[in-house]
N, C-alpha and C. Protein backbone atom coordinates (compact mmCIF):
# COMPACT_ATOMS: atom_id res chain seq x y z
N MET A 1 162.05 -113.56 -2.08
CA MET A 1 162.40 -114.81 -1.40
C MET A 1 162.64 -114.54 0.20
N SER A 2 162.59 -113.20 0.42
CA SER A 2 162.99 -112.93 2.03
C SER A 2 161.67 -113.38 2.74
N LEU A 3 160.67 -113.21 2.23
CA LEU A 3 159.50 -113.44 2.83
C LEU A 3 159.11 -114.93 3.04
N ILE A 4 159.41 -115.58 2.20
CA ILE A 4 159.37 -117.11 1.97
C ILE A 4 160.62 -117.78 2.99
N LEU A 5 161.70 -117.23 3.27
CA LEU A 5 162.73 -117.65 3.94
C LEU A 5 162.32 -117.37 5.38
N ALA A 6 161.72 -115.92 5.73
CA ALA A 6 161.16 -115.78 7.11
C ALA A 6 160.18 -116.90 7.38
N ARG A 7 159.22 -117.21 6.59
CA ARG A 7 158.31 -118.14 6.89
C ARG A 7 158.79 -119.47 7.18
N CYS A 8 159.87 -120.13 6.42
CA CYS A 8 160.62 -121.27 6.92
C CYS A 8 161.19 -121.40 8.08
N ASN A 9 162.06 -120.11 8.31
CA ASN A 9 162.35 -120.02 9.72
C ASN A 9 161.67 -120.19 10.85
N ARG A 10 160.43 -119.35 10.69
CA ARG A 10 159.45 -119.43 11.93
C ARG A 10 159.09 -120.92 11.86
N PHE A 11 158.57 -121.65 10.90
CA PHE A 11 158.16 -122.88 11.05
C PHE A 11 159.03 -124.02 11.51
N PHE A 12 160.37 -123.89 10.82
CA PHE A 12 161.36 -124.75 11.29
C PHE A 12 162.36 -124.49 12.36
N GLY A 13 162.08 -123.19 12.88
CA GLY A 13 163.11 -122.72 14.07
C GLY A 13 164.42 -122.76 13.43
N THR A 14 164.57 -122.46 12.43
CA THR A 14 165.89 -122.21 11.90
C THR A 14 166.43 -120.77 11.75
N GLY A 15 167.53 -120.45 11.32
CA GLY A 15 168.21 -119.16 11.46
C GLY A 15 168.81 -119.02 9.71
N TRP A 16 168.01 -119.52 8.76
CA TRP A 16 168.65 -119.35 7.50
C TRP A 16 168.70 -117.69 7.04
N LYS A 17 169.55 -117.46 6.38
CA LYS A 17 169.80 -116.20 5.64
C LYS A 17 169.85 -116.15 4.34
N ALA A 18 169.21 -115.20 3.59
CA ALA A 18 169.54 -114.96 2.31
C ALA A 18 170.52 -114.00 2.01
N VAL A 19 171.39 -114.30 1.11
CA VAL A 19 172.50 -113.25 0.78
C VAL A 19 172.50 -112.82 -0.52
N ASN A 20 171.94 -111.57 -0.99
CA ASN A 20 171.76 -111.17 -1.87
C ASN A 20 172.94 -110.05 -2.48
N ARG A 21 173.73 -110.98 -3.33
CA ARG A 21 175.14 -110.28 -3.70
C ARG A 21 175.77 -111.05 -4.91
N LYS A 22 176.89 -110.46 -5.55
CA LYS A 22 177.32 -111.16 -6.58
C LYS A 22 178.07 -112.46 -6.23
N PHE A 23 177.99 -113.47 -7.04
CA PHE A 23 178.42 -114.94 -6.48
C PHE A 23 179.55 -115.07 -7.30
N ASP A 24 180.74 -114.98 -6.71
CA ASP A 24 182.11 -115.30 -7.40
C ASP A 24 183.10 -116.14 -6.85
N SER A 25 184.23 -116.15 -7.22
CA SER A 25 185.20 -117.13 -6.77
C SER A 25 185.47 -117.10 -5.08
N SER A 26 185.29 -115.82 -4.74
CA SER A 26 185.41 -115.77 -3.20
C SER A 26 184.18 -116.26 -2.40
N SER A 27 183.10 -116.43 -2.90
CA SER A 27 181.94 -116.81 -2.39
C SER A 27 182.07 -118.36 -1.93
N GLY A 28 182.73 -119.09 -2.88
CA GLY A 28 182.83 -120.50 -2.45
C GLY A 28 183.38 -120.78 -1.11
N LYS A 29 184.17 -119.90 -0.48
CA LYS A 29 184.76 -120.21 0.86
C LYS A 29 183.75 -119.78 1.93
N ALA A 30 182.69 -119.37 1.45
CA ALA A 30 181.46 -119.34 2.56
C ALA A 30 180.63 -120.33 2.27
N ALA A 31 180.90 -121.68 2.68
CA ALA A 31 180.09 -122.96 2.46
C ALA A 31 178.59 -122.70 2.90
N ALA A 32 177.71 -122.97 2.30
CA ALA A 32 176.38 -123.19 2.45
C ALA A 32 176.02 -124.73 2.08
N ALA A 33 174.97 -125.20 2.89
CA ALA A 33 174.43 -126.36 2.49
C ALA A 33 173.62 -126.37 1.08
N ILE A 34 172.98 -125.38 0.91
CA ILE A 34 172.18 -125.02 -0.26
C ILE A 34 172.37 -123.78 -0.95
N TYR A 35 172.75 -123.64 -2.17
CA TYR A 35 172.91 -122.49 -2.88
C TYR A 35 171.52 -122.26 -3.79
N ILE A 36 171.08 -121.09 -3.92
CA ILE A 36 169.94 -120.79 -4.69
C ILE A 36 170.30 -119.63 -5.46
N SER A 37 169.97 -119.71 -6.71
CA SER A 37 170.46 -118.66 -7.65
C SER A 37 169.27 -118.39 -8.61
N CYS A 38 169.19 -117.18 -8.88
CA CYS A 38 168.47 -116.42 -10.02
C CYS A 38 169.03 -115.53 -10.56
N VAL A 39 169.65 -115.55 -11.62
CA VAL A 39 170.38 -114.60 -12.34
C VAL A 39 169.99 -114.13 -13.54
N ASP A 40 170.41 -112.95 -14.12
CA ASP A 40 169.87 -112.30 -15.31
C ASP A 40 170.91 -112.81 -16.78
N SER A 41 171.78 -113.33 -16.42
CA SER A 41 172.60 -113.88 -17.73
C SER A 41 172.95 -115.27 -17.70
N VAL A 42 173.25 -115.76 -18.94
CA VAL A 42 173.72 -117.10 -19.09
C VAL A 42 175.32 -117.28 -18.49
N SER A 43 176.04 -116.10 -18.84
CA SER A 43 177.17 -116.15 -18.45
C SER A 43 177.28 -116.32 -16.74
N ALA A 44 176.60 -115.58 -16.12
CA ALA A 44 176.44 -115.62 -14.68
C ALA A 44 176.13 -117.02 -14.21
N ARG A 45 175.53 -117.78 -14.76
CA ARG A 45 174.90 -119.04 -14.44
C ARG A 45 175.99 -120.08 -14.56
N PHE A 46 176.81 -119.77 -15.74
CA PHE A 46 178.07 -120.76 -15.87
C PHE A 46 179.22 -120.29 -14.98
N GLU A 47 179.28 -119.10 -14.69
CA GLU A 47 180.33 -118.63 -13.57
C GLU A 47 179.74 -119.34 -12.26
N ILE A 48 178.64 -119.24 -11.86
CA ILE A 48 178.12 -119.78 -10.51
C ILE A 48 178.73 -121.41 -10.71
N ALA A 49 178.20 -121.86 -11.73
CA ALA A 49 178.74 -123.55 -11.85
C ALA A 49 180.17 -123.78 -11.88
N GLU A 50 181.22 -122.80 -12.33
CA GLU A 50 182.65 -123.15 -12.14
C GLU A 50 182.75 -122.72 -10.54
N VAL A 51 182.36 -121.90 -9.95
CA VAL A 51 182.60 -121.64 -8.60
C VAL A 51 182.20 -122.88 -7.74
N LEU A 52 181.07 -123.48 -8.03
CA LEU A 52 180.52 -124.50 -7.05
C LEU A 52 181.19 -125.81 -7.51
N LYS A 53 181.75 -126.26 -8.74
CA LYS A 53 182.72 -127.09 -8.88
C LYS A 53 183.93 -127.22 -8.28
N ALA A 54 184.45 -125.90 -8.07
CA ALA A 54 185.77 -125.63 -7.49
C ALA A 54 185.50 -125.94 -5.95
N ALA A 55 184.50 -125.38 -5.44
CA ALA A 55 184.21 -125.62 -3.98
C ALA A 55 184.03 -126.94 -3.64
N ASP A 56 183.41 -127.86 -4.44
CA ASP A 56 183.21 -129.21 -4.27
C ASP A 56 184.56 -129.83 -4.14
N LYS A 57 185.54 -129.45 -4.94
CA LYS A 57 186.92 -130.14 -4.80
C LYS A 57 187.57 -129.82 -3.72
N SER A 58 187.29 -128.40 -3.07
CA SER A 58 188.19 -128.10 -2.11
C SER A 58 187.69 -128.00 -0.73
N ASN A 59 186.37 -128.62 -0.61
CA ASN A 59 185.47 -128.68 0.47
C ASN A 59 186.11 -129.93 1.55
N LEU A 60 186.40 -129.67 2.67
CA LEU A 60 187.06 -130.39 3.61
C LEU A 60 186.04 -131.38 4.34
N TYR A 61 184.65 -130.94 4.04
CA TYR A 61 183.57 -131.69 4.60
C TYR A 61 182.88 -132.52 3.40
N SER A 62 183.47 -133.12 2.55
CA SER A 62 182.95 -133.85 1.51
C SER A 62 181.68 -134.80 1.73
N ASN A 63 181.48 -135.10 3.02
CA ASN A 63 180.29 -135.87 3.26
C ASN A 63 179.12 -135.11 3.60
N THR A 64 179.28 -133.84 3.30
CA THR A 64 178.11 -132.87 3.56
C THR A 64 177.25 -132.68 2.34
N PRO A 65 176.10 -132.98 2.50
CA PRO A 65 175.16 -132.91 1.30
C PRO A 65 175.21 -131.71 0.90
N ARG A 66 175.35 -131.18 -0.12
CA ARG A 66 175.22 -129.62 -0.77
C ARG A 66 174.35 -129.78 -2.06
N TYR A 67 173.57 -128.58 -2.20
CA TYR A 67 172.85 -128.71 -3.65
C TYR A 67 172.77 -127.37 -4.07
N TRP A 68 172.50 -127.21 -5.44
CA TRP A 68 172.35 -125.97 -6.05
C TRP A 68 170.89 -125.98 -6.81
N MET A 69 170.37 -124.87 -6.33
CA MET A 69 168.79 -124.85 -6.91
C MET A 69 168.87 -123.62 -7.86
N ASP A 70 168.54 -123.72 -9.16
CA ASP A 70 168.86 -122.70 -10.11
C ASP A 70 167.34 -122.20 -10.46
N PHE A 71 167.14 -120.83 -10.48
CA PHE A 71 165.92 -120.43 -10.96
C PHE A 71 166.23 -119.58 -12.37
N GLY A 72 165.42 -119.87 -13.31
CA GLY A 72 165.42 -118.96 -14.34
C GLY A 72 164.34 -118.58 -15.16
N ASN A 73 164.17 -117.42 -15.71
CA ASN A 73 162.74 -117.24 -16.38
C ASN A 73 162.78 -116.38 -17.66
N GLY A 74 161.89 -116.46 -18.29
CA GLY A 74 161.79 -115.26 -19.28
C GLY A 74 160.30 -114.62 -19.53
N LYS A 75 159.82 -114.32 -20.56
CA LYS A 75 158.63 -113.41 -20.17
C LYS A 75 157.55 -114.04 -19.47
N ASP A 76 157.07 -115.32 -19.75
CA ASP A 76 156.31 -115.95 -19.35
C ASP A 76 156.26 -117.47 -18.86
N SER A 77 157.57 -117.94 -19.07
CA SER A 77 157.98 -119.07 -18.93
C SER A 77 159.35 -119.14 -17.66
N GLY A 78 159.54 -120.53 -17.23
CA GLY A 78 160.77 -120.37 -16.31
C GLY A 78 161.00 -121.84 -15.96
N GLN A 79 162.11 -121.88 -15.12
CA GLN A 79 162.48 -123.39 -14.70
C GLN A 79 162.88 -123.37 -13.47
N VAL A 80 162.92 -124.33 -12.68
CA VAL A 80 163.86 -124.47 -11.31
C VAL A 80 164.33 -126.00 -11.73
N VAL A 81 165.70 -125.82 -11.33
CA VAL A 81 166.45 -127.21 -11.49
C VAL A 81 167.55 -127.35 -10.34
N LEU A 82 167.21 -128.56 -9.67
CA LEU A 82 167.89 -128.84 -8.31
C LEU A 82 169.15 -129.80 -8.88
N SER A 83 170.23 -129.49 -8.24
CA SER A 83 171.55 -130.23 -8.79
C SER A 83 172.17 -130.51 -7.41
N THR A 84 173.06 -131.46 -7.50
CA THR A 84 174.05 -131.69 -6.41
C THR A 84 175.38 -131.19 -6.70
N ILE A 85 176.16 -130.77 -5.60
CA ILE A 85 177.46 -130.26 -5.81
C ILE A 85 178.44 -131.41 -5.68
N GLY A 86 178.77 -132.21 -6.77
CA GLY A 86 179.30 -133.53 -6.63
C GLY A 86 178.45 -134.73 -6.05
N ASN A 87 178.89 -135.84 -5.71
CA ASN A 87 177.99 -136.87 -5.36
C ASN A 87 177.74 -136.60 -3.79
N VAL A 88 176.41 -137.11 -3.53
CA VAL A 88 175.92 -137.09 -2.43
C VAL A 88 175.42 -138.51 -1.99
N LYS A 89 176.25 -139.04 -1.12
CA LYS A 89 175.81 -140.41 -0.74
C LYS A 89 174.44 -140.58 -0.29
N GLN A 90 173.87 -141.78 -0.90
CA GLN A 90 172.32 -141.87 -0.56
C GLN A 90 172.26 -143.21 0.20
N PRO A 91 171.31 -143.38 0.93
CA PRO A 91 170.97 -144.52 1.66
C PRO A 91 170.74 -145.64 0.95
N VAL A 92 170.75 -146.88 1.17
CA VAL A 92 170.23 -148.16 0.42
C VAL A 92 168.80 -148.15 0.42
N SER A 93 168.18 -148.21 -0.63
CA SER A 93 166.72 -148.44 -0.80
C SER A 93 166.15 -149.50 -1.59
N GLU A 94 165.35 -150.47 -1.01
CA GLU A 94 164.71 -151.47 -1.78
C GLU A 94 163.52 -151.06 -2.63
N LYS A 95 162.96 -149.78 -2.21
CA LYS A 95 161.80 -149.32 -2.78
C LYS A 95 162.12 -148.40 -4.31
N PHE A 96 163.22 -147.56 -3.87
CA PHE A 96 163.65 -146.67 -5.12
C PHE A 96 164.96 -146.79 -5.33
N GLU A 97 165.37 -146.47 -6.71
CA GLU A 97 166.51 -146.45 -7.18
C GLU A 97 167.33 -145.23 -6.71
N THR A 98 168.19 -145.06 -5.70
CA THR A 98 168.89 -143.83 -5.42
C THR A 98 169.74 -143.17 -6.58
N VAL A 99 170.00 -141.86 -6.57
CA VAL A 99 170.93 -141.22 -7.36
C VAL A 99 171.72 -140.59 -6.47
N ALA A 100 173.24 -140.61 -6.63
CA ALA A 100 173.90 -139.84 -5.97
C ALA A 100 174.51 -138.55 -6.38
N ARG A 101 174.18 -138.41 -7.72
CA ARG A 101 174.59 -136.93 -8.44
C ARG A 101 173.50 -136.62 -9.56
N LEU A 102 173.14 -135.33 -9.20
CA LEU A 102 171.99 -134.68 -10.22
C LEU A 102 172.77 -133.59 -10.82
N PRO A 103 172.83 -133.57 -12.24
CA PRO A 103 173.87 -132.69 -13.06
C PRO A 103 173.52 -131.24 -12.85
N PHE A 104 174.45 -130.32 -12.88
CA PHE A 104 174.10 -128.98 -12.87
C PHE A 104 173.38 -128.65 -14.07
N VAL A 105 172.61 -127.46 -13.94
CA VAL A 105 171.67 -127.01 -14.92
C VAL A 105 172.37 -126.64 -16.16
N THR A 106 173.90 -126.24 -16.03
CA THR A 106 174.73 -125.91 -17.18
C THR A 106 175.11 -127.11 -18.01
N GLU A 107 175.27 -128.25 -17.21
CA GLU A 107 175.61 -129.49 -17.92
C GLU A 107 174.55 -130.28 -18.76
N GLU A 108 173.54 -130.19 -18.09
CA GLU A 108 172.26 -130.82 -18.48
C GLU A 108 171.57 -129.88 -19.87
N PHE A 109 171.56 -128.63 -19.57
CA PHE A 109 170.85 -127.76 -20.47
C PHE A 109 171.74 -126.71 -21.16
N GLY A 110 173.00 -126.85 -20.97
CA GLY A 110 173.98 -125.86 -21.50
C GLY A 110 173.83 -125.33 -22.72
N GLU A 111 173.35 -126.36 -24.00
CA GLU A 111 173.25 -125.80 -25.29
C GLU A 111 172.08 -124.81 -25.42
N LEU A 112 171.03 -125.36 -24.63
CA LEU A 112 169.78 -124.37 -24.61
C LEU A 112 169.81 -123.13 -23.91
N LEU A 113 170.64 -123.03 -22.93
CA LEU A 113 171.00 -121.96 -22.19
C LEU A 113 171.83 -120.82 -22.99
N ARG A 114 172.74 -121.51 -23.66
CA ARG A 114 173.42 -120.68 -24.66
C ARG A 114 172.81 -120.06 -25.88
N GLN A 115 171.79 -120.83 -26.42
CA GLN A 115 170.82 -120.42 -27.40
C GLN A 115 169.93 -119.36 -26.90
N SER A 116 169.25 -119.35 -25.66
CA SER A 116 168.62 -118.48 -25.00
C SER A 116 169.34 -116.96 -24.82
N GLU A 117 170.56 -117.10 -24.81
CA GLU A 117 171.49 -115.95 -24.43
C GLU A 117 171.18 -114.88 -25.44
N THR A 118 170.87 -115.39 -26.87
CA THR A 118 170.56 -114.39 -27.76
C THR A 118 168.97 -113.55 -27.73
N ASP A 119 168.50 -114.33 -26.80
CA ASP A 119 167.07 -113.71 -26.62
C ASP A 119 166.97 -112.44 -26.13
N ASP A 120 166.12 -111.52 -26.57
CA ASP A 120 166.11 -110.04 -25.91
C ASP A 120 165.14 -109.99 -24.93
N LEU A 121 165.33 -110.67 -23.85
CA LEU A 121 164.16 -110.59 -22.75
C LEU A 121 164.81 -109.58 -21.67
N PRO A 122 163.70 -109.19 -21.15
CA PRO A 122 163.85 -108.23 -19.98
C PRO A 122 164.90 -108.68 -18.72
N SER A 123 165.32 -108.00 -17.97
CA SER A 123 166.23 -108.55 -16.75
C SER A 123 165.16 -108.70 -15.69
N CYS A 124 165.39 -109.64 -14.94
CA CYS A 124 164.46 -109.83 -13.73
C CYS A 124 164.63 -108.91 -12.72
N SER A 125 165.75 -108.19 -12.57
CA SER A 125 166.27 -107.26 -11.60
C SER A 125 166.00 -105.92 -12.03
N LEU A 126 165.26 -105.48 -12.91
CA LEU A 126 164.92 -104.16 -13.44
C LEU A 126 163.49 -103.69 -13.18
N ALA A 127 163.13 -102.49 -12.75
CA ALA A 127 161.88 -102.22 -12.55
C ALA A 127 161.11 -102.35 -13.95
N GLU A 128 161.60 -102.00 -15.05
CA GLU A 128 160.99 -101.76 -16.39
C GLU A 128 160.81 -103.42 -16.79
N ALA A 129 161.29 -104.24 -16.21
CA ALA A 129 161.09 -105.70 -16.92
C ALA A 129 159.69 -106.21 -16.30
N LEU A 130 159.26 -105.55 -15.25
CA LEU A 130 157.77 -105.99 -14.76
C LEU A 130 156.85 -105.55 -15.91
N GLU A 131 156.96 -104.57 -16.69
CA GLU A 131 156.15 -104.22 -17.86
C GLU A 131 156.23 -105.11 -19.15
N LYS A 132 157.23 -105.77 -19.13
CA LYS A 132 157.54 -106.76 -20.13
C LYS A 132 157.39 -108.28 -19.79
N GLN A 133 157.16 -108.52 -18.54
CA GLN A 133 157.28 -109.77 -17.81
C GLN A 133 156.07 -110.12 -17.08
N ASP A 134 155.64 -111.23 -17.18
CA ASP A 134 154.34 -111.76 -16.46
C ASP A 134 154.52 -111.48 -14.89
N LEU A 135 153.62 -110.65 -14.39
CA LEU A 135 153.59 -110.27 -13.09
C LEU A 135 154.04 -111.28 -12.10
N PHE A 136 153.38 -112.63 -12.25
CA PHE A 136 153.66 -113.48 -11.06
C PHE A 136 154.72 -114.65 -11.66
N ILE A 137 155.42 -114.61 -12.60
CA ILE A 137 156.32 -115.52 -13.07
C ILE A 137 157.33 -115.80 -11.89
N ASN A 138 157.83 -114.77 -11.49
CA ASN A 138 158.99 -114.89 -10.40
C ASN A 138 158.35 -115.53 -9.19
N SER A 139 157.38 -115.05 -8.41
CA SER A 139 156.66 -115.56 -7.32
C SER A 139 156.17 -116.94 -7.60
N THR A 140 155.66 -117.19 -8.69
CA THR A 140 155.04 -118.98 -9.02
C THR A 140 156.20 -119.87 -8.74
N LEU A 141 157.52 -119.37 -9.65
CA LEU A 141 158.61 -120.27 -9.51
C LEU A 141 159.26 -120.32 -8.21
N ALA A 142 159.27 -119.16 -7.37
CA ALA A 142 159.77 -119.27 -6.14
C ALA A 142 159.01 -120.22 -5.25
N GLN A 143 157.61 -120.10 -5.22
CA GLN A 143 156.81 -120.80 -4.60
C GLN A 143 156.92 -122.47 -4.88
N MET A 144 157.05 -122.74 -6.05
CA MET A 144 157.17 -124.21 -6.63
C MET A 144 158.62 -124.76 -6.14
N GLY A 145 159.55 -123.83 -6.19
CA GLY A 145 160.85 -124.23 -5.87
C GLY A 145 160.92 -124.42 -4.26
N CYS A 146 160.42 -123.72 -3.55
CA CYS A 146 160.28 -123.94 -2.06
C CYS A 146 159.53 -125.26 -1.94
N SER A 147 158.42 -125.53 -2.52
CA SER A 147 157.75 -126.63 -2.32
C SER A 147 158.52 -128.17 -2.64
N LEU A 148 159.50 -127.73 -3.61
CA LEU A 148 160.58 -128.95 -3.76
C LEU A 148 161.43 -129.21 -2.70
N LEU A 149 161.93 -128.02 -2.20
CA LEU A 149 162.89 -128.10 -1.08
C LEU A 149 161.96 -128.62 0.27
N TRP A 150 160.73 -128.30 0.58
CA TRP A 150 159.86 -128.88 1.62
C TRP A 150 159.88 -130.32 1.35
N GLN A 151 159.64 -130.85 0.12
CA GLN A 151 159.61 -132.33 -0.09
C GLN A 151 160.96 -132.95 0.45
N LEU A 152 162.05 -132.43 0.22
CA LEU A 152 163.23 -132.95 0.58
C LEU A 152 163.42 -132.84 1.93
N PHE A 153 163.01 -131.95 2.51
CA PHE A 153 163.21 -131.51 3.91
C PHE A 153 162.17 -132.46 4.85
N ARG A 154 160.95 -132.70 4.26
CA ARG A 154 159.79 -133.64 5.03
C ARG A 154 160.02 -134.87 4.81
N ASN A 155 160.37 -135.36 3.53
CA ASN A 155 160.44 -136.86 3.19
C ASN A 155 161.90 -137.34 3.07
N GLY A 156 162.63 -136.36 3.07
CA GLY A 156 164.14 -136.95 2.91
C GLY A 156 164.64 -137.21 1.64
N MET A 157 163.71 -137.00 0.95
CA MET A 157 163.85 -137.57 -0.79
C MET A 157 163.04 -136.82 -1.76
N THR A 158 163.09 -136.79 -2.85
CA THR A 158 162.19 -136.23 -4.06
C THR A 158 162.28 -137.21 -5.31
N THR A 159 161.19 -137.29 -6.04
CA THR A 159 161.17 -138.05 -7.09
C THR A 159 161.41 -137.07 -8.32
N GLN A 160 161.25 -135.82 -7.84
CA GLN A 160 161.40 -134.80 -8.98
C GLN A 160 162.47 -133.96 -8.65
N ARG A 161 163.41 -133.33 -9.33
CA ARG A 161 164.47 -132.33 -9.34
C ARG A 161 164.19 -131.00 -9.85
N GLY A 162 163.09 -130.82 -10.11
CA GLY A 162 162.57 -129.22 -10.58
C GLY A 162 161.29 -129.56 -11.67
N LEU A 163 161.44 -128.39 -12.27
CA LEU A 163 160.11 -128.00 -13.11
C LEU A 163 160.40 -127.15 -14.29
N PHE A 164 159.48 -127.26 -15.26
CA PHE A 164 159.26 -126.09 -16.26
C PHE A 164 158.10 -125.68 -16.21
N LEU A 165 157.74 -124.34 -16.23
CA LEU A 165 156.48 -123.59 -16.10
C LEU A 165 156.27 -122.71 -17.32
N ASN A 166 155.13 -122.71 -17.98
CA ASN A 166 154.74 -121.87 -18.64
C ASN A 166 153.57 -121.26 -18.47
N SER A 167 153.42 -120.13 -17.83
CA SER A 167 152.39 -119.41 -17.42
C SER A 167 151.37 -118.74 -18.20
N ALA A 168 151.74 -118.79 -19.57
CA ALA A 168 150.82 -118.32 -20.70
C ALA A 168 149.73 -119.33 -20.95
N ASP A 169 150.07 -120.69 -20.92
CA ASP A 169 148.98 -121.64 -21.14
C ASP A 169 148.85 -122.54 -20.07
N PHE A 170 149.45 -122.10 -18.81
CA PHE A 170 149.32 -122.74 -17.56
C PHE A 170 149.82 -124.16 -17.41
N ARG A 171 150.94 -124.55 -18.30
CA ARG A 171 151.43 -125.82 -18.36
C ARG A 171 152.76 -125.87 -17.23
N THR A 172 152.87 -127.05 -16.45
CA THR A 172 153.91 -127.24 -15.76
C THR A 172 154.47 -128.71 -16.11
N ALA A 173 155.55 -128.93 -16.45
CA ALA A 173 156.22 -130.16 -16.54
C ALA A 173 157.18 -130.49 -15.51
N PRO A 174 157.29 -131.53 -14.84
CA PRO A 174 158.18 -131.91 -13.81
C PRO A 174 159.43 -132.31 -14.63
N LEU A 175 160.70 -132.11 -13.63
CA LEU A 175 161.89 -132.61 -14.17
C LEU A 175 162.23 -133.71 -13.30
N SER A 176 162.14 -135.15 -13.77
CA SER A 176 162.19 -136.19 -12.93
C SER A 176 163.77 -136.45 -12.63
N VAL A 177 163.96 -137.13 -11.48
CA VAL A 177 165.33 -137.54 -11.04
C VAL A 177 165.69 -138.52 -12.16
């Protein structure tokens, strides 16, 4: 993700930083416009959701758009899901039906996440996982997630809020707003 972030910083002239550390209740005090997560366990994903819900209630800048983009993967499949942290005020549009709130991955797919918790899949943070995991699943998801962010930045909107990818049979299914 650091290489992709460096490319974005050069292109946009921004100074974004990736923080690679455990996300817990003290993390919510370091407010960011966009939170991007890729965790190894379902419980960690639910913990992030709780921290972000609490941050939404305590934020003094409630009109600042904030998003959570969650990445997850198994052996040869994965997903990217974009959510809003609370409601994000949308401009009036005659062309599109705007949506102020995109549910958290834990709300929309909570039951599936809990079922997947019993799967004995390798951790994406261990070197040995590369032997049991498709070599390009993480980088493919990262590129596609960045493409979604690019749409948001370039067009100010998106009709898709994520995707499901199966690299074994080369299928990708968009997750519509």
